[in-house]
PDB file of N, CA and C in Angstrom:
ATOM      1  N   VAL A   1      23.614  12.849 -14.203  1.00  0.00           N
ATOM      2  CA  VAL A   1      24.091  11.513 -14.508  1.00  0.00           C
ATOM      3  C   VAL A   1      23.304  10.526 -13.671  1.00  0.00           C
ATOM      4  N   VAL A   2      22.872   9.451 -14.309  1.00  0.00           N
ATOM      5  CA  VAL A   2      22.173   8.376 -13.611  1.00  0.00           C
ATOM      6  C   VAL A   2      22.980   7.101 -13.791  1.00  0.00           C
ATOM      7  N   SER A   3      23.232   6.398 -12.708  1.00  0.00           N
ATOM      8  CA  SER A   3      23.908   5.110 -12.768  1.00  0.00           C
ATOM      9  C   SER A   3      22.897   4.028 -12.428  1.00  0.00           C
ATOM     10  N   PHE A   4      22.740   3.073 -13.329  1.00  0.00           N
ATOM     11  CA  PHE A   4      21.843   1.947 -13.098  1.00  0.00           C
ATOM     12  C   PHE A   4      22.725   0.729 -12.929  1.00  0.00           C
ATOM     13  N   ASP A   5      22.762   0.175 -11.743  1.00  0.00           N
ATOM     14  CA  ASP A   5      23.721  -0.873 -11.416  1.00  0.00           C
ATOM     15  C   ASP A   5      23.007  -2.053 -10.785  1.00  0.00           C
ATOM     16  N   ASN A   6      23.235  -3.240 -11.327  1.00  0.00           N
ATOM     17  CA  ASN A   6      22.618  -4.426 -10.736  1.00  0.00           C
ATOM     18  C   ASN A   6      23.450  -4.981  -9.584  1.00  0.00           C
ATOM     19  N   MET A   7      24.593  -4.360  -9.311  1.00  0.00           N
ATOM     20  CA  MET A   7      25.437  -4.717  -8.167  1.00  0.00           C
ATOM     21  C   MET A   7      25.887  -6.178  -8.197  1.00  0.00           C
ATOM     22  N   THR A   8      26.143  -6.684  -9.389  1.00  0.00           N
ATOM     23  CA  THR A   8      26.550  -8.072  -9.529  1.00  0.00           C
ATOM     24  C   THR A   8      27.929  -8.320  -8.922  1.00  0.00           C
ATOM     25  N   LYS A   9      28.095  -9.465  -8.330  1.00  0.00           N
ATOM     26  CA  LYS A   9      29.374  -9.834  -7.729  1.00  0.00           C
ATOM     27  C   LYS A   9      30.236 -10.653  -8.686  1.00  0.00           C
ATOM     28  N   SER A  10      29.654 -11.197  -9.732  1.00  0.00           N
ATOM     29  CA  SER A  10      30.373 -12.168 -10.558  1.00  0.00           C
ATOM     30  C   SER A  10      31.609 -11.584 -11.227  1.00  0.00           C
ATOM     31  N   GLU A  11      31.522 -10.392 -11.800  1.00  0.00           N
ATOM     32  CA  GLU A  11      32.685  -9.821 -12.488  1.00  0.00           C
ATOM     33  C   GLU A  11      33.781  -9.453 -11.494  1.00  0.00           C
ATOM     34  N   LEU A  12      33.407  -8.871 -10.361  1.00  0.00           N
ATOM     35  CA  LEU A  12      34.417  -8.537  -9.360  1.00  0.00           C
ATOM     36  C   LEU A  12      35.065  -9.798  -8.799  1.00  0.00           C
ATOM     37  N   ALA A  13      34.289 -10.838  -8.590  1.00  0.00           N
ATOM     38  CA  ALA A  13      34.844 -12.094  -8.075  1.00  0.00           C
ATOM     39  C   ALA A  13      35.809 -12.706  -9.091  1.00  0.00           C
ATOM     40  N   ARG A  14      35.456 -12.593 -10.369  1.00  0.00           N
ATOM     41  CA  ARG A  14      36.303 -13.145 -11.428  1.00  0.00           C
ATOM     42  C   ARG A  14      37.671 -12.465 -11.442  1.00  0.00           C
ATOM     43  N   THR A  15      37.703 -11.169 -11.178  1.00  0.00           N
ATOM     44  CA  THR A  15      38.955 -10.424 -11.226  1.00  0.00           C
ATOM     45  C   THR A  15      39.745 -10.500  -9.929  1.00  0.00           C
ATOM     46  N   GLY A  16      39.136 -11.026  -8.874  1.00  0.00           N
ATOM     47  CA  GLY A  16      39.846 -11.183  -7.614  1.00  0.00           C
ATOM     48  C   GLY A  16      39.724 -10.013  -6.662  1.00  0.00           C
ATOM     49  N   TYR A  17      38.944  -9.003  -7.037  1.00  0.00           N
ATOM     50  CA  TYR A  17      38.739  -7.873  -6.131  1.00  0.00           C
ATOM     51  C   TYR A  17      37.907  -8.307  -4.931  1.00  0.00           C
ATOM     52  N   GLN A  18      38.065  -7.586  -3.827  1.00  0.00           N
ATOM     53  CA  GLN A  18      37.216  -7.826  -2.661  1.00  0.00           C
ATOM     54  C   GLN A  18      35.811  -7.350  -3.036  1.00  0.00           C
ATOM     55  N   THR A  19      34.963  -8.283  -3.338  1.00  0.00           N
ATOM     56  CA  THR A  19      33.680  -7.991  -3.959  1.00  0.00           C
ATOM     57  C   THR A  19      32.843  -6.970  -3.200  1.00  0.00           C
ATOM     58  N   ASP A  20      32.530  -7.231  -1.948  1.00  0.00           N
ATOM     59  CA  ASP A  20      31.655  -6.327  -1.203  1.00  0.00           C
ATOM     60  C   ASP A  20      32.283  -4.947  -1.043  1.00  0.00           C
ATOM     61  N   ALA A  21      33.558  -4.909  -0.714  1.00  0.00           N
ATOM     62  CA  ALA A  21      34.233  -3.628  -0.505  1.00  0.00           C
ATOM     63  C   ALA A  21      34.292  -2.820  -1.798  1.00  0.00           C
ATOM     64  N   ALA A  22      34.566  -3.475  -2.916  1.00  0.00           N
ATOM     65  CA  ALA A  22      34.640  -2.780  -4.204  1.00  0.00           C
ATOM     66  C   ALA A  22      33.278  -2.241  -4.610  1.00  0.00           C
ATOM     67  N   ARG A  23      32.244  -3.047  -4.432  1.00  0.00           N
ATOM     68  CA  ARG A  23      30.890  -2.585  -4.774  1.00  0.00           C
ATOM     69  C   ARG A  23      30.505  -1.392  -3.929  1.00  0.00           C
ATOM     70  N   ASP A  24      30.728  -1.487  -2.639  1.00  0.00           N
ATOM     71  CA  ASP A  24      30.371  -0.387  -1.742  1.00  0.00           C
ATOM     72  C   ASP A  24      31.171   0.867  -2.066  1.00  0.00           C
ATOM     73  N   HIS A  25      32.450   0.711  -2.363  1.00  0.00           N
ATOM     74  CA  HIS A  25      33.296   1.862  -2.684  1.00  0.00           C
ATOM     75  C   HIS A  25      32.784   2.573  -3.932  1.00  0.00           C
ATOM     76  N   ASN A  26      32.522   1.821  -4.994  1.00  0.00           N
ATOM     77  CA  ASN A  26      32.055   2.422  -6.244  1.00  0.00           C
ATOM     78  C   ASN A  26      30.731   3.142  -6.043  1.00  0.00           C
ATOM     79  N   TRP A  27      29.820   2.511  -5.332  1.00  0.00           N
ATOM     80  CA  TRP A  27      28.499   3.104  -5.082  1.00  0.00           C
ATOM     81  C   TRP A  27      28.650   4.412  -4.304  1.00  0.00           C
ATOM     82  N   THR A  28      29.430   4.369  -3.228  1.00  0.00           N
ATOM     83  CA  THR A  28      29.608   5.536  -2.368  1.00  0.00           C
ATOM     84  C   THR A  28      30.311   6.672  -3.113  1.00  0.00           C
ATOM     85  N   LEU A  29      31.316   6.344  -3.896  1.00  0.00           N
ATOM     86  CA  LEU A  29      32.051   7.357  -4.652  1.00  0.00           C
ATOM     87  C   LEU A  29      31.141   8.056  -5.657  1.00  0.00           C
ATOM     88  N   LEU A  30      30.413   7.287  -6.441  1.00  0.00           N
ATOM     89  CA  LEU A  30      29.523   7.888  -7.438  1.00  0.00           C
ATOM     90  C   LEU A  30      28.432   8.724  -6.776  1.00  0.00           C
ATOM     91  N   GLU A  31      27.893   8.224  -5.683  1.00  0.00           N
ATOM     92  CA  GLU A  31      26.857   8.955  -4.954  1.00  0.00           C
ATOM     93  C   GLU A  31      27.404  10.287  -4.427  1.00  0.00           C
ATOM     94  N   ALA A  32      28.635  10.278  -3.927  1.00  0.00           N
ATOM     95  CA  ALA A  32      29.260  11.498  -3.409  1.00  0.00           C
ATOM     96  C   ALA A  32      29.498  12.524  -4.513  1.00  0.00           C
ATOM     97  N   LEU A  33      29.645  12.049  -5.742  1.00  0.00           N
ATOM     98  CA  LEU A  33      29.841  12.944  -6.882  1.00  0.00           C
ATOM     99  C   LEU A  33      28.519  13.490  -7.417  1.00  0.00           C
ATOM    100  N   GLY A  34      27.414  13.090  -6.792  1.00  0.00           N
ATOM    101  CA  GLY A  34      26.112  13.592  -7.203  1.00  0.00           C
ATOM    102  C   GLY A  34      25.398  12.747  -8.240  1.00  0.00           C
ATOM    103  N   VAL A  35      25.900  11.541  -8.474  1.00  0.00           N
ATOM    104  CA  VAL A  35      25.267  10.642  -9.431  1.00  0.00           C
ATOM    105  C   VAL A  35      24.030  10.038  -8.787  1.00  0.00           C
ATOM    106  N   GLU A  36      22.911  10.071  -9.505  1.00  0.00           N
ATOM    107  CA  GLU A  36      21.689   9.435  -9.008  1.00  0.00           C
ATOM    108  C   GLU A  36      21.860   7.927  -9.146  1.00  0.00           C
ATOM    109  N   MET A  37      21.808   7.220  -8.036  1.00  0.00           N
ATOM    110  CA  MET A  37      22.068   5.789  -8.031  1.00  0.00           C
ATOM    111  C   MET A  37      20.759   5.014  -7.957  1.00  0.00           C
ATOM    112  N   LEU A  38      20.612   4.034  -8.843  1.00  0.00           N
ATOM    113  CA  LEU A  38      19.424   3.191  -8.879  1.00  0.00           C
ATOM    114  C   LEU A  38      19.857   1.739  -8.894  1.00  0.00           C
ATOM    115  N   ARG A  39      19.218   0.923  -8.086  1.00  0.00           N
ATOM    116  CA  ARG A  39      19.486  -0.519  -8.101  1.00  0.00           C
ATOM    117  C   ARG A  39      18.378  -1.196  -8.891  1.00  0.00           C
ATOM    118  N   GLY A  40      18.770  -2.132  -9.720  1.00  0.00           N
ATOM    119  CA  GLY A  40      17.774  -2.867 -10.480  1.00  0.00           C
ATOM    120  C   GLY A  40      18.439  -3.896 -11.369  1.00  0.00           C
ATOM    121  N   ASP A  41      17.625  -4.618 -12.087  1.00  0.00           N
ATOM    122  CA  ASP A  41      18.097  -5.649 -12.999  1.00  0.00           C
ATOM    123  C   ASP A  41      18.278  -5.025 -14.376  1.00  0.00           C
ATOM    124  N   MET A  42      19.501  -4.975 -14.869  1.00  0.00           N
ATOM    125  CA  MET A  42      19.790  -4.336 -16.147  1.00  0.00           C
ATOM    126  C   MET A  42      19.158  -5.078 -17.317  1.00  0.00           C
ATOM    127  N   ARG A  43      18.647  -6.271 -17.083  1.00  0.00           N
ATOM    128  CA  ARG A  43      17.969  -7.017 -18.140  1.00  0.00           C
ATOM    129  C   ARG A  43      16.498  -6.654 -18.224  1.00  0.00           C
ATOM    130  N   ASP A  44      16.024  -5.829 -17.291  1.00  0.00           N
ATOM    131  CA  ASP A  44      14.622  -5.422 -17.249  1.00  0.00           C
ATOM    132  C   ASP A  44      14.460  -4.127 -18.040  1.00  0.00           C
ATOM    133  N   LEU A  45      14.015  -4.253 -19.293  1.00  0.00           N
ATOM    134  CA  LEU A  45      13.916  -3.106 -20.187  1.00  0.00           C
ATOM    135  C   LEU A  45      13.036  -2.000 -19.616  1.00  0.00           C
ATOM    136  N   ASP A  46      11.925  -2.353 -19.004  1.00  0.00           N
ATOM    137  CA  ASP A  46      11.032  -1.334 -18.449  1.00  0.00           C
ATOM    138  C   ASP A  46      11.727  -0.508 -17.366  1.00  0.00           C
ATOM    139  N   SER A  47      12.521  -1.157 -16.529  1.00  0.00           N
ATOM    140  CA  SER A  47      13.260  -0.433 -15.487  1.00  0.00           C
ATOM    141  C   SER A  47      14.275   0.522 -16.103  1.00  0.00           C
ATOM    142  N   LEU A  48      14.965   0.064 -17.140  1.00  0.00           N
ATOM    143  CA  LEU A  48      15.941   0.925 -17.807  1.00  0.00           C
ATOM    144  C   LEU A  48      15.266   2.116 -18.471  1.00  0.00           C
ATOM    145  N   LEU A  49      14.132   1.870 -19.114  1.00  0.00           N
ATOM    146  CA  LEU A  49      13.408   2.966 -19.761  1.00  0.00           C
ATOM    147  C   LEU A  49      12.907   3.966 -18.731  1.00  0.00           C
ATOM    148  N   ASP A  50      12.403   3.478 -17.608  1.00  0.00           N
ATOM    149  CA  ASP A  50      11.953   4.376 -16.536  1.00  0.00           C
ATOM    150  C   ASP A  50      13.117   5.215 -16.012  1.00  0.00           C
ATOM    151  N   ALA A  51      14.254   4.576 -15.809  1.00  0.00           N
ATOM    152  CA  ALA A  51      15.419   5.270 -15.257  1.00  0.00           C
ATOM    153  C   ALA A  51      15.973   6.306 -16.227  1.00  0.00           C
ATOM    154  N   SER A  52      15.800   6.067 -17.520  1.00  0.00           N
ATOM    155  CA  SER A  52      16.377   6.978 -18.510  1.00  0.00           C
ATOM    156  C   SER A  52      15.370   7.983 -19.060  1.00  0.00           C
ATOM    157  N   SER A  53      14.145   7.954 -18.586  1.00  0.00           N
ATOM    158  CA  SER A  53      13.159   8.914 -19.088  1.00  0.00           C
ATOM    159  C   SER A  53      13.600  10.329 -18.732  1.00  0.00           C
ATOM    160  N   GLY A  54      13.492  11.209 -19.683  1.00  0.00           N
ATOM    161  CA  GLY A  54      13.898  12.590 -19.470  1.00  0.00           C
ATOM    162  C   GLY A  54      15.365  12.856 -19.744  1.00  0.00           C
ATOM    163  N   CYS A  55      16.107  11.831 -20.103  1.00  0.00           N
ATOM    164  CA  CYS A  55      17.540  12.027 -20.393  1.00  0.00           C
ATOM    165  C   CYS A  55      17.722  12.511 -21.821  1.00  0.00           C
TER     166      CYS A  55
END
């Protein structure tokens, strides 16, 4: 499993969650489960294609 996350704060801020803590928790949890974590801009098609190559 590969997770491609731009780590945006806007949606978490909109819902009222503690933005930094929620982002860090999700990242750490997925990483602990063995998910390959990649940071990048989800609007960048080339980055998404690179991340999904071989899937």
